[in-house]
Amino acid sequence: MSFRSQDLHSGEVETGPEPPRDSLEDQVLSSSVLEAFINENLGASRGELARLLGRFSADPGEIAGVIIDSMSEQELISSLTSFTDISPEKIQDSSDPHAYANRLLELAMEDLVRQPIPEMNEAERVHFSERSASEEERQEELTTFAGNDRILARFPMKGYEGGEVFVKWTRVDDPQIMLFNHYPIKPDAAFNYVWLEPKNGWEPGDYQVNFYTADDRLAPLATGHYTIDPGP
């Protein structure tokens, strides 16, 4: 399993008969077995892993949380840095690495388990534009693009004074997480932006970009959707 940029794809996988599910309390007693199970399937996509975890619990996020809580801090740091681009220092600087990891898990699994985060309803709106757009065009409410130009996701600070934001940039159709990390911004600016330009171009489909505070809370700041048109 990987939450690195461009690595996450859902997919179907053939599996054998599912064993009966025990209670979550029984699963906690076997957390070492679950950790070994995850390690054996690190190459699986998010969709495949969700189905595999479904053998242990009806809620993949819940059982993954059990594994996180069973890890030592060093094991947690090692695991997070092995399948995300987040630096060890970010995790070490957290006041509660386990709570931080569980929050990251919640954000990463949101699209997979189809459980929207309610706080996003109160978040500001993200404005999208292409690199080649004029300053006037960047003020427009664009939600559909064609071609392979760099796309800028611009959001209002609205009182946020941090020098970084956490960004989750997702292709919704797969789902595929394309960015999942902290990025620097200008704290004294009224607006900030993060851009993305995939090496192999944009795949047609729907995309979502979420901005969060860069602290342990990873509180929602802004969200927005756009579409890449397949063209004629």
Foldseek 3Di string as FASTA:
>chain_A
DAQEAPQAFADDDDDDDQDDEDDVVVVLVVLVVVVVVCVVPVNDHPNVVQVVCVSHPVDSLVSVLSNLVVDDLVVNLVVCVVRYVEHSVLLVPAPDNSLLVSVLSCVVCCLVVVPDDVLQVVAAAWAKDFPPDDPVVSVDRAFEAEWQTKMKTKTFCVPPQDQKKFKWKFQNVRTHTRGGYIDGFHRVDRMTIDIDGDPVGDDWGKMKMWIAHSHSVRRTHYMYMHTYDPDD
